[in-house]
Amino acid sequence: KSWEGDYVLGNDLDADGNPIKHNFRSYKSIDDYVNDELQFLTNLYDFDPSDTFTTFINKLQGGNFGKRRYAEDRKYIEKVRGVYNSI
């Protein structure tokens, strides 16, 4: 809600898999994106650069101080771990 930059309207899915329109932030540079994402993760999910991968994804799915969930997909951790392990 505090975002004051540009955004684009795109297709997304809600938690039940229904199509919805969603605003996505738009950045002028990769540095702007990274700085915004780091601030977002730090403020809402207790991100710390020294976190292990497992600690990081657990924080994204409720293992943070506020018990916030980054994704509604209950298999999010499993899916992210699969992508991470494939790299």
PDB file of N, CA and C in Angstrom:
ATOM      1  N   LYS A   1       0.811  -1.200   0.000  1.00  0.00           N
ATOM      2  CA  LYS A   1       0.000   0.000   0.000  1.00  0.00           C
ATOM      3  C   LYS A   1       0.850   1.258   0.000  1.00  0.00           C
ATOM      4  N   SER A   2       2.079   1.164   0.462  1.00  0.00           N
ATOM      5  CA  SER A   2       2.930   2.352   0.508  1.00  0.00           C
ATOM      6  C   SER A   2       3.750   2.521  -0.772  1.00  0.00           C
ATOM      7  N   TRP A   3       3.615   1.592  -1.725  1.00  0.00           N
ATOM      8  CA  TRP A   3       4.385   1.664  -2.968  1.00  0.00           C
ATOM      9  C   TRP A   3       3.987   2.897  -3.755  1.00  0.00           C
ATOM     10  N   GLU A   4       4.968   3.708  -4.120  1.00  0.00           N
ATOM     11  CA  GLU A   4       4.703   4.930  -4.861  1.00  0.00           C
ATOM     12  C   GLU A   4       5.285   4.895  -6.269  1.00  0.00           C
ATOM     13  N   GLY A   5       5.864   3.756  -6.640  1.00  0.00           N
ATOM     14  CA  GLY A   5       6.467   3.642  -7.959  1.00  0.00           C
ATOM     15  C   GLY A   5       5.490   3.129  -9.002  1.00  0.00           C
ATOM     16  N   ASP A   6       6.038   2.821 -10.160  1.00  0.00           N
ATOM     17  CA  ASP A   6       5.232   2.301 -11.260  1.00  0.00           C
ATOM     18  C   ASP A   6       4.801   0.865 -10.991  1.00  0.00           C
ATOM     19  N   TYR A   7       3.737   0.462 -11.660  1.00  0.00           N
ATOM     20  CA  TYR A   7       3.298  -0.919 -11.597  1.00  0.00           C
ATOM     21  C   TYR A   7       2.665  -1.303 -12.924  1.00  0.00           C
ATOM     22  N   VAL A   8       2.529  -2.611 -13.126  1.00  0.00           N
ATOM     23  CA  VAL A   8       1.844  -3.123 -14.307  1.00  0.00           C
ATOM     24  C   VAL A   8       0.733  -4.046 -13.839  1.00  0.00           C
ATOM     25  N   LEU A   9      -0.337  -4.099 -14.597  1.00  0.00           N
ATOM     26  CA  LEU A   9      -1.456  -4.970 -14.284  1.00  0.00           C
ATOM     27  C   LEU A   9      -1.247  -6.282 -15.027  1.00  0.00           C
ATOM     28  N   GLY A  10      -1.319  -7.391 -14.282  1.00  0.00           N
ATOM     29  CA  GLY A  10      -1.086  -8.686 -14.907  1.00  0.00           C
ATOM     30  C   GLY A  10      -2.018  -9.749 -14.384  1.00  0.00           C
ATOM     31  N   ASN A  11      -1.949 -10.898 -15.007  1.00  0.00           N
ATOM     32  CA  ASN A  11      -2.770 -12.037 -14.610  1.00  0.00           C
ATOM     33  C   ASN A  11      -2.134 -12.775 -13.452  1.00  0.00           C
ATOM     34  N   ASP A  12      -2.967 -13.265 -12.535  1.00  0.00           N
ATOM     35  CA  ASP A  12      -2.509 -14.008 -11.375  1.00  0.00           C
ATOM     36  C   ASP A  12      -3.604 -14.992 -10.997  1.00  0.00           C
ATOM     37  N   LEU A  13      -3.358 -15.790  -9.978  1.00  0.00           N
ATOM     38  CA  LEU A  13      -4.351 -16.717  -9.451  1.00  0.00           C
ATOM     39  C   LEU A  13      -4.535 -16.466  -7.972  1.00  0.00           C
ATOM     40  N   ASP A  14      -5.757 -16.590  -7.483  1.00  0.00           N
ATOM     41  CA  ASP A  14      -5.974 -16.472  -6.037  1.00  0.00           C
ATOM     42  C   ASP A  14      -5.650 -17.816  -5.379  1.00  0.00           C
ATOM     43  N   ALA A  15      -5.847 -17.916  -4.070  1.00  0.00           N
ATOM     44  CA  ALA A  15      -5.482 -19.123  -3.318  1.00  0.00           C
ATOM     45  C   ALA A  15      -6.225 -20.365  -3.798  1.00  0.00           C
ATOM     46  N   ASP A  16      -7.387 -20.172  -4.399  1.00  0.00           N
ATOM     47  CA  ASP A  16      -8.179 -21.297  -4.900  1.00  0.00           C
ATOM     48  C   ASP A  16      -7.902 -21.612  -6.365  1.00  0.00           C
ATOM     49  N   GLY A  17      -6.976 -20.876  -6.969  1.00  0.00           N
ATOM     50  CA  GLY A  17      -6.626 -21.111  -8.365  1.00  0.00           C
ATOM     51  C   GLY A  17      -7.485 -20.372  -9.357  1.00  0.00           C
ATOM     52  N   ASN A  18      -8.308 -19.450  -8.877  1.00  0.00           N
ATOM     53  CA  ASN A  18      -9.161 -18.666  -9.770  1.00  0.00           C
ATOM     54  C   ASN A  18      -8.376 -17.507 -10.375  1.00  0.00           C
ATOM     55  N   PRO A  19      -8.568 -17.243 -11.668  1.00  0.00           N
ATOM     56  CA  PRO A  19      -7.844 -16.129 -12.296  1.00  0.00           C
ATOM     57  C   PRO A  19      -8.287 -14.782 -11.740  1.00  0.00           C
ATOM     58  N   ILE A  20      -7.318 -13.929 -11.490  1.00  0.00           N
ATOM     59  CA  ILE A  20      -7.570 -12.563 -11.024  1.00  0.00           C
ATOM     60  C   ILE A  20      -6.581 -11.627 -11.712  1.00  0.00           C
ATOM     61  N   LYS A  21      -6.854 -10.347 -11.664  1.00  0.00           N
ATOM     62  CA  LYS A  21      -5.906  -9.329 -12.119  1.00  0.00           C
ATOM     63  C   LYS A  21      -5.183  -8.815 -10.883  1.00  0.00           C
ATOM     64  N   HIS A  22      -3.899  -8.539 -11.029  1.00  0.00           N
ATOM     65  CA  HIS A  22      -3.097  -8.121  -9.885  1.00  0.00           C
ATOM     66  C   HIS A  22      -2.096  -7.063 -10.335  1.00  0.00           C
ATOM     67  N   ASN A  23      -1.832  -6.086  -9.479  1.00  0.00           N
ATOM     68  CA  ASN A  23      -0.798  -5.092  -9.764  1.00  0.00           C
ATOM     69  C   ASN A  23       0.564  -5.633  -9.353  1.00  0.00           C
ATOM     70  N   PHE A  24       1.524  -5.544 -10.248  1.00  0.00           N
ATOM     71  CA  PHE A  24       2.897  -5.953  -9.973  1.00  0.00           C
ATOM     72  C   PHE A  24       3.791  -4.729 -10.048  1.00  0.00           C
ATOM     73  N   ARG A  25       4.672  -4.588  -9.075  1.00  0.00           N
ATOM     74  CA  ARG A  25       5.588  -3.453  -9.060  1.00  0.00           C
ATOM     75  C   ARG A  25       6.504  -3.490 -10.281  1.00  0.00           C
ATOM     76  N   SER A  26       6.845  -2.317 -10.763  1.00  0.00           N
ATOM     77  CA  SER A  26       7.733  -2.177 -11.908  1.00  0.00           C
ATOM     78  C   SER A  26       8.922  -1.316 -11.483  1.00  0.00           C
ATOM     79  N   TYR A  27      10.124  -1.729 -11.870  1.00  0.00           N
ATOM     80  CA  TYR A  27      11.345  -1.041 -11.431  1.00  0.00           C
ATOM     81  C   TYR A  27      12.130  -0.519 -12.623  1.00  0.00           C
ATOM     82  N   LYS A  28      12.899   0.519 -12.372  1.00  0.00           N
ATOM     83  CA  LYS A  28      13.721   1.118 -13.426  1.00  0.00           C
ATOM     84  C   LYS A  28      15.059   0.393 -13.586  1.00  0.00           C
ATOM     85  N   SER A  29      15.466  -0.349 -12.550  1.00  0.00           N
ATOM     86  CA  SER A  29      16.733  -1.071 -12.623  1.00  0.00           C
ATOM     87  C   SER A  29      16.682  -2.298 -11.716  1.00  0.00           C
ATOM     88  N   ILE A  30      17.573  -3.223 -11.952  1.00  0.00           N
ATOM     89  CA  ILE A  30      17.668  -4.419 -11.107  1.00  0.00           C
ATOM     90  C   ILE A  30      18.066  -4.025  -9.683  1.00  0.00           C
ATOM     91  N   ASP A  31      18.885  -2.988  -9.546  1.00  0.00           N
ATOM     92  CA  ASP A  31      19.279  -2.525  -8.213  1.00  0.00           C
ATOM     93  C   ASP A  31      18.070  -2.017  -7.435  1.00  0.00           C
ATOM     94  N   ASP A  32      17.175  -1.283  -8.111  1.00  0.00           N
ATOM     95  CA  ASP A  32      15.958  -0.809  -7.438  1.00  0.00           C
ATOM     96  C   ASP A  32      15.110  -1.984  -6.963  1.00  0.00           C
ATOM     97  N   TYR A  33      14.993  -3.005  -7.820  1.00  0.00           N
ATOM     98  CA  TYR A  33      14.228  -4.198  -7.442  1.00  0.00           C
ATOM     99  C   TYR A  33      14.843  -4.894  -6.227  1.00  0.00           C
ATOM    100  N   VAL A  34      16.145  -5.141  -6.278  1.00  0.00           N
ATOM    101  CA  VAL A  34      16.816  -5.864  -5.190  1.00  0.00           C
ATOM    102  C   VAL A  34      16.691  -5.095  -3.877  1.00  0.00           C
ATOM    103  N   ASN A  35      16.916  -3.804  -3.898  1.00  0.00           N
ATOM    104  CA  ASN A  35      16.803  -3.011  -2.672  1.00  0.00           C
ATOM    105  C   ASN A  35      15.388  -3.050  -2.102  1.00  0.00           C
ATOM    106  N   ASP A  36      14.374  -2.963  -2.961  1.00  0.00           N
ATOM    107  CA  ASP A  36      12.995  -3.018  -2.502  1.00  0.00           C
ATOM    108  C   ASP A  36      12.660  -4.400  -1.939  1.00  0.00           C
ATOM    109  N   GLU A  37      13.081  -5.435  -2.627  1.00  0.00           N
ATOM    110  CA  GLU A  37      12.797  -6.804  -2.175  1.00  0.00           C
ATOM    111  C   GLU A  37      13.484  -7.103  -0.839  1.00  0.00           C
ATOM    112  N   LEU A  38      14.718  -6.668  -0.669  1.00  0.00           N
ATOM    113  CA  LEU A  38      15.419  -6.876   0.602  1.00  0.00           C
ATOM    114  C   LEU A  38      14.721  -6.152   1.753  1.00  0.00           C
ATOM    115  N   GLN A  39      14.272  -4.947   1.491  1.00  0.00           N
ATOM    116  CA  GLN A  39      13.540  -4.199   2.526  1.00  0.00           C
ATOM    117  C   GLN A  39      12.237  -4.910   2.872  1.00  0.00           C
ATOM    118  N   PHE A  40      11.520  -5.372   1.868  1.00  0.00           N
ATOM    119  CA  PHE A  40      10.264  -6.093   2.054  1.00  0.00           C
ATOM    120  C   PHE A  40      10.480  -7.362   2.887  1.00  0.00           C
ATOM    121  N   LEU A  41      11.467  -8.164   2.502  1.00  0.00           N
ATOM    122  CA  LEU A  41      11.729  -9.418   3.214  1.00  0.00           C
ATOM    123  C   LEU A  41      12.198  -9.178   4.642  1.00  0.00           C
ATOM    124  N   THR A  42      13.012  -8.164   4.825  1.00  0.00           N
ATOM    125  CA  THR A  42      13.513  -7.844   6.166  1.00  0.00           C
ATOM    126  C   THR A  42      12.384  -7.379   7.078  1.00  0.00           C
ATOM    127  N   ASN A  43      11.533  -6.498   6.579  1.00  0.00           N
ATOM    128  CA  ASN A  43      10.469  -5.937   7.408  1.00  0.00           C
ATOM    129  C   ASN A  43       9.370  -6.935   7.738  1.00  0.00           C
ATOM    130  N   LEU A  44       8.974  -7.747   6.786  1.00  0.00           N
ATOM    131  CA  LEU A  44       7.819  -8.629   7.007  1.00  0.00           C
ATOM    132  C   LEU A  44       8.163 -10.058   7.398  1.00  0.00           C
ATOM    133  N   TYR A  45       9.336 -10.528   7.001  1.00  0.00           N
ATOM    134  CA  TYR A  45       9.654 -11.943   7.212  1.00  0.00           C
ATOM    135  C   TYR A  45      10.941 -12.174   7.994  1.00  0.00           C
ATOM    136  N   ASP A  46      11.451 -11.143   8.637  1.00  0.00           N
ATOM    137  CA  ASP A  46      12.637 -11.271   9.496  1.00  0.00           C
ATOM    138  C   ASP A  46      13.854 -11.812   8.747  1.00  0.00           C
ATOM    139  N   PHE A  47      13.956 -11.495   7.465  1.00  0.00           N
ATOM    140  CA  PHE A  47      15.083 -11.938   6.657  1.00  0.00           C
ATOM    141  C   PHE A  47      16.388 -11.424   7.234  1.00  0.00           C
ATOM    142  N   ASP A  48      17.390 -12.284   7.219  1.00  0.00           N
ATOM    143  CA  ASP A  48      18.750 -11.921   7.624  1.00  0.00           C
ATOM    144  C   ASP A  48      19.685 -12.515   6.573  1.00  0.00           C
ATOM    145  N   PRO A  49      20.624 -11.747   6.049  1.00  0.00           N
ATOM    146  CA  PRO A  49      21.519 -12.261   5.010  1.00  0.00           C
ATOM    147  C   PRO A  49      22.279 -13.524   5.415  1.00  0.00           C
ATOM    148  N   SER A  50      22.427 -13.771   6.704  1.00  0.00           N
ATOM    149  CA  SER A  50      23.142 -14.969   7.143  1.00  0.00           C
ATOM    150  C   SER A  50      22.235 -16.194   7.262  1.00  0.00           C
ATOM    151  N   ASP A  51      20.923 -16.051   6.996  1.00  0.00           N
ATOM    152  CA  ASP A  51      20.010 -17.193   7.063  1.00  0.00           C
ATOM    153  C   ASP A  51      20.417 -18.268   6.067  1.00  0.00           C
ATOM    154  N   THR A  52      20.270 -19.517   6.473  1.00  0.00           N
ATOM    155  CA  THR A  52      20.446 -20.613   5.524  1.00  0.00           C
ATOM    156  C   THR A  52      19.237 -20.624   4.594  1.00  0.00           C
ATOM    157  N   PHE A  53      19.329 -21.362   3.520  1.00  0.00           N
ATOM    158  CA  PHE A  53      18.210 -21.476   2.590  1.00  0.00           C
ATOM    159  C   PHE A  53      16.980 -22.033   3.317  1.00  0.00           C
ATOM    160  N   THR A  54      17.155 -23.065   4.108  1.00  0.00           N
ATOM    161  CA  THR A  54      16.038 -23.679   4.833  1.00  0.00           C
ATOM    162  C   THR A  54      15.400 -22.694   5.802  1.00  0.00           C
ATOM    163  N   THR A  55      16.203 -21.953   6.540  1.00  0.00           N
ATOM    164  CA  THR A  55      15.671 -20.947   7.465  1.00  0.00           C
ATOM    165  C   THR A  55      14.906 -19.885   6.699  1.00  0.00           C
ATOM    166  N   PHE A  56      15.452 -19.451   5.581  1.00  0.00           N
ATOM    167  CA  PHE A  56      14.826 -18.420   4.770  1.00  0.00           C
ATOM    168  C   PHE A  56      13.442 -18.857   4.277  1.00  0.00           C
ATOM    169  N   ILE A  57      13.329 -20.033   3.672  1.00  0.00           N
ATOM    170  CA  ILE A  57      12.030 -20.434   3.141  1.00  0.00           C
ATOM    171  C   ILE A  57      11.042 -20.753   4.259  1.00  0.00           C
ATOM    172  N   ASN A  58      11.545 -21.230   5.396  1.00  0.00           N
ATOM    173  CA  ASN A  58      10.637 -21.448   6.533  1.00  0.00           C
ATOM    174  C   ASN A  58      10.088 -20.119   7.057  1.00  0.00           C
ATOM    175  N   LYS A  59      10.912 -19.087   7.069  1.00  0.00           N
ATOM    176  CA  LYS A  59      10.437 -17.758   7.479  1.00  0.00           C
ATOM    177  C   LYS A  59       9.362 -17.248   6.523  1.00  0.00           C
ATOM    178  N   LEU A  60       9.519 -17.542   5.243  1.00  0.00           N
ATOM    179  CA  LEU A  60       8.527 -17.101   4.266  1.00  0.00           C
ATOM    180  C   LEU A  60       7.178 -17.779   4.455  1.00  0.00           C
ATOM    181  N   GLN A  61       7.170 -18.924   5.076  1.00  0.00           N
ATOM    182  CA  GLN A  61       5.926 -19.672   5.218  1.00  0.00           C
ATOM    183  C   GLN A  61       5.465 -19.791   6.661  1.00  0.00           C
ATOM    184  N   GLY A  62       5.675 -18.756   7.451  1.00  0.00           N
ATOM    185  CA  GLY A  62       5.125 -18.710   8.799  1.00  0.00           C
ATOM    186  C   GLY A  62       6.135 -18.817   9.913  1.00  0.00           C
ATOM    187  N   GLY A  63       7.385 -19.062   9.590  1.00  0.00           N
ATOM    188  CA  GLY A  63       8.412 -19.187  10.615  1.00  0.00           C
ATOM    189  C   GLY A  63       9.039 -17.860  10.998  1.00  0.00           C
ATOM    190  N   ASN A  64       8.302 -16.778  10.835  1.00  0.00           N
ATOM    191  CA  ASN A  64       8.790 -15.448  11.185  1.00  0.00           C
ATOM    192  C   ASN A  64       8.048 -14.957  12.422  1.00  0.00           C
ATOM    193  N   PHE A  65       8.475 -13.823  12.968  1.00  0.00           N
ATOM    194  CA  PHE A  65       7.888 -13.304  14.203  1.00  0.00           C
ATOM    195  C   PHE A  65       6.374 -13.078  14.100  1.00  0.00           C
ATOM    196  N   GLY A  66       5.914 -12.609  12.957  1.00  0.00           N
ATOM    197  CA  GLY A  66       4.488 -12.315  12.785  1.00  0.00           C
ATOM    198  C   GLY A  66       3.671 -13.491  12.271  1.00  0.00           C
ATOM    199  N   LYS A  67       4.328 -14.640  12.027  1.00  0.00           N
ATOM    200  CA  LYS A  67       3.672 -15.842  11.493  1.00  0.00           C
ATOM    201  C   LYS A  67       3.044 -15.587  10.123  1.00  0.00           C
ATOM    202  N   ARG A  68       3.607 -14.629   9.361  1.00  0.00           N
ATOM    203  CA  ARG A  68       3.086 -14.298   8.038  1.00  0.00           C
ATOM    204  C   ARG A  68       3.484 -15.367   7.027  1.00  0.00           C
ATOM    205  N   ARG A  69       2.618 -15.586   6.061  1.00  0.00           N
ATOM    206  CA  ARG A  69       2.888 -16.521   4.976  1.00  0.00           C
ATOM    207  C   ARG A  69       3.055 -15.730   3.682  1.00  0.00           C
ATOM    208  N   TYR A  70       4.158 -15.951   2.986  1.00  0.00           N
ATOM    209  CA  TYR A  70       4.442 -15.262   1.729  1.00  0.00           C
ATOM    210  C   TYR A  70       3.546 -15.786   0.605  1.00  0.00           C
ATOM    211  N   ALA A  71       3.341 -17.090   0.582  1.00  0.00           N
ATOM    212  CA  ALA A  71       2.533 -17.716  -0.473  1.00  0.00           C
ATOM    213  C   ALA A  71       1.419 -18.539   0.166  1.00  0.00           C
ATOM    214  N   GLU A  72       0.297 -18.578  -0.505  1.00  0.00           N
ATOM    215  CA  GLU A  72      -0.822 -19.343   0.020  1.00  0.00           C
ATOM    216  C   GLU A  72      -0.728 -20.822  -0.330  1.00  0.00           C
ATOM    217  N   ASP A  73       0.068 -21.157  -1.304  1.00  0.00           N
ATOM    218  CA  ASP A  73       0.244 -22.546  -1.710  1.00  0.00           C
ATOM    219  C   ASP A  73       0.897 -23.330  -0.571  1.00  0.00           C
ATOM    220  N   ARG A  74       0.216 -24.339  -0.085  1.00  0.00           N
ATOM    221  CA  ARG A  74       0.729 -25.137   1.038  1.00  0.00           C
ATOM    222  C   ARG A  74       1.972 -25.941   0.650  1.00  0.00           C
ATOM    223  N   LYS A  75       2.230 -26.088  -0.641  1.00  0.00           N
ATOM    224  CA  LYS A  75       3.415 -26.818  -1.110  1.00  0.00           C
ATOM    225  C   LYS A  75       4.526 -25.863  -1.550  1.00  0.00           C
ATOM    226  N   TYR A  76       4.431 -24.602  -1.135  1.00  0.00           N
ATOM    227  CA  TYR A  76       5.390 -23.586  -1.553  1.00  0.00           C
ATOM    228  C   TYR A  76       6.828 -23.980  -1.212  1.00  0.00           C
ATOM    229  N   ILE A  77       7.067 -24.393   0.020  1.00  0.00           N
ATOM    230  CA  ILE A  77       8.430 -24.743   0.434  1.00  0.00           C
ATOM    231  C   ILE A  77       8.956 -25.893  -0.416  1.00  0.00           C
ATOM    232  N   GLU A  78       8.140 -26.903  -0.604  1.00  0.00           N
ATOM    233  CA  GLU A  78       8.535 -28.055  -1.412  1.00  0.00           C
ATOM    234  C   GLU A  78       8.866 -27.630  -2.849  1.00  0.00           C
ATOM    235  N   LYS A  79       8.051 -26.754  -3.424  1.00  0.00           N
ATOM    236  CA  LYS A  79       8.282 -26.293  -4.790  1.00  0.00           C
ATOM    237  C   LYS A  79       9.544 -25.439  -4.899  1.00  0.00           C
ATOM    238  N   VAL A  80       9.738 -24.532  -3.959  1.00  0.00           N
ATOM    239  CA  VAL A  80      10.934 -23.683  -3.983  1.00  0.00           C
ATOM    240  C   VAL A  80      12.184 -24.533  -3.778  1.00  0.00           C
ATOM    241  N   ARG A  81      12.110 -25.490  -2.866  1.00  0.00           N
ATOM    242  CA  ARG A  81      13.254 -26.381  -2.638  1.00  0.00           C
ATOM    243  C   ARG A  81      13.583 -27.155  -3.918  1.00  0.00           C
ATOM    244  N   GLY A  82      12.562 -27.586  -4.659  1.00  0.00           N
ATOM    245  CA  GLY A  82      12.790 -28.308  -5.916  1.00  0.00           C
ATOM    246  C   GLY A  82      13.509 -27.442  -6.930  1.00  0.00           C
ATOM    247  N   VAL A  83      13.095 -26.183  -7.064  1.00  0.00           N
ATOM    248  CA  VAL A  83      13.767 -25.268  -7.989  1.00  0.00           C
ATOM    249  C   VAL A  83      15.201 -25.036  -7.537  1.00  0.00           C
ATOM    250  N   TYR A  84      15.375 -24.775  -6.238  1.00  0.00           N
ATOM    251  CA  TYR A  84      16.708 -24.510  -5.681  1.00  0.00           C
ATOM    252  C   TYR A  84      17.648 -25.692  -5.926  1.00  0.00           C
ATOM    253  N   ASN A  85      17.161 -26.898  -5.694  1.00  0.00           N
ATOM    254  CA  ASN A  85      17.998 -28.087  -5.855  1.00  0.00           C
ATOM    255  C   ASN A  85      18.287 -28.408  -7.324  1.00  0.00           C
ATOM    256  N   SER A  86      17.494 -27.865  -8.247  1.00  0.00           N
ATOM    257  CA  SER A  86      17.716 -28.131  -9.663  1.00  0.00           C
ATOM    258  C   SER A  86      18.774 -27.212 -10.269  1.00  0.00           C
ATOM    259  N   ILE A  87      19.162 -26.194  -9.514  1.00  0.00           N
ATOM    260  CA  ILE A  87      20.148 -25.227 -10.031  1.00  0.00           C
ATOM    261  C   ILE A  87      21.560 -25.723  -9.799  1.00  0.00           C
TER     262      ILE A  87
END
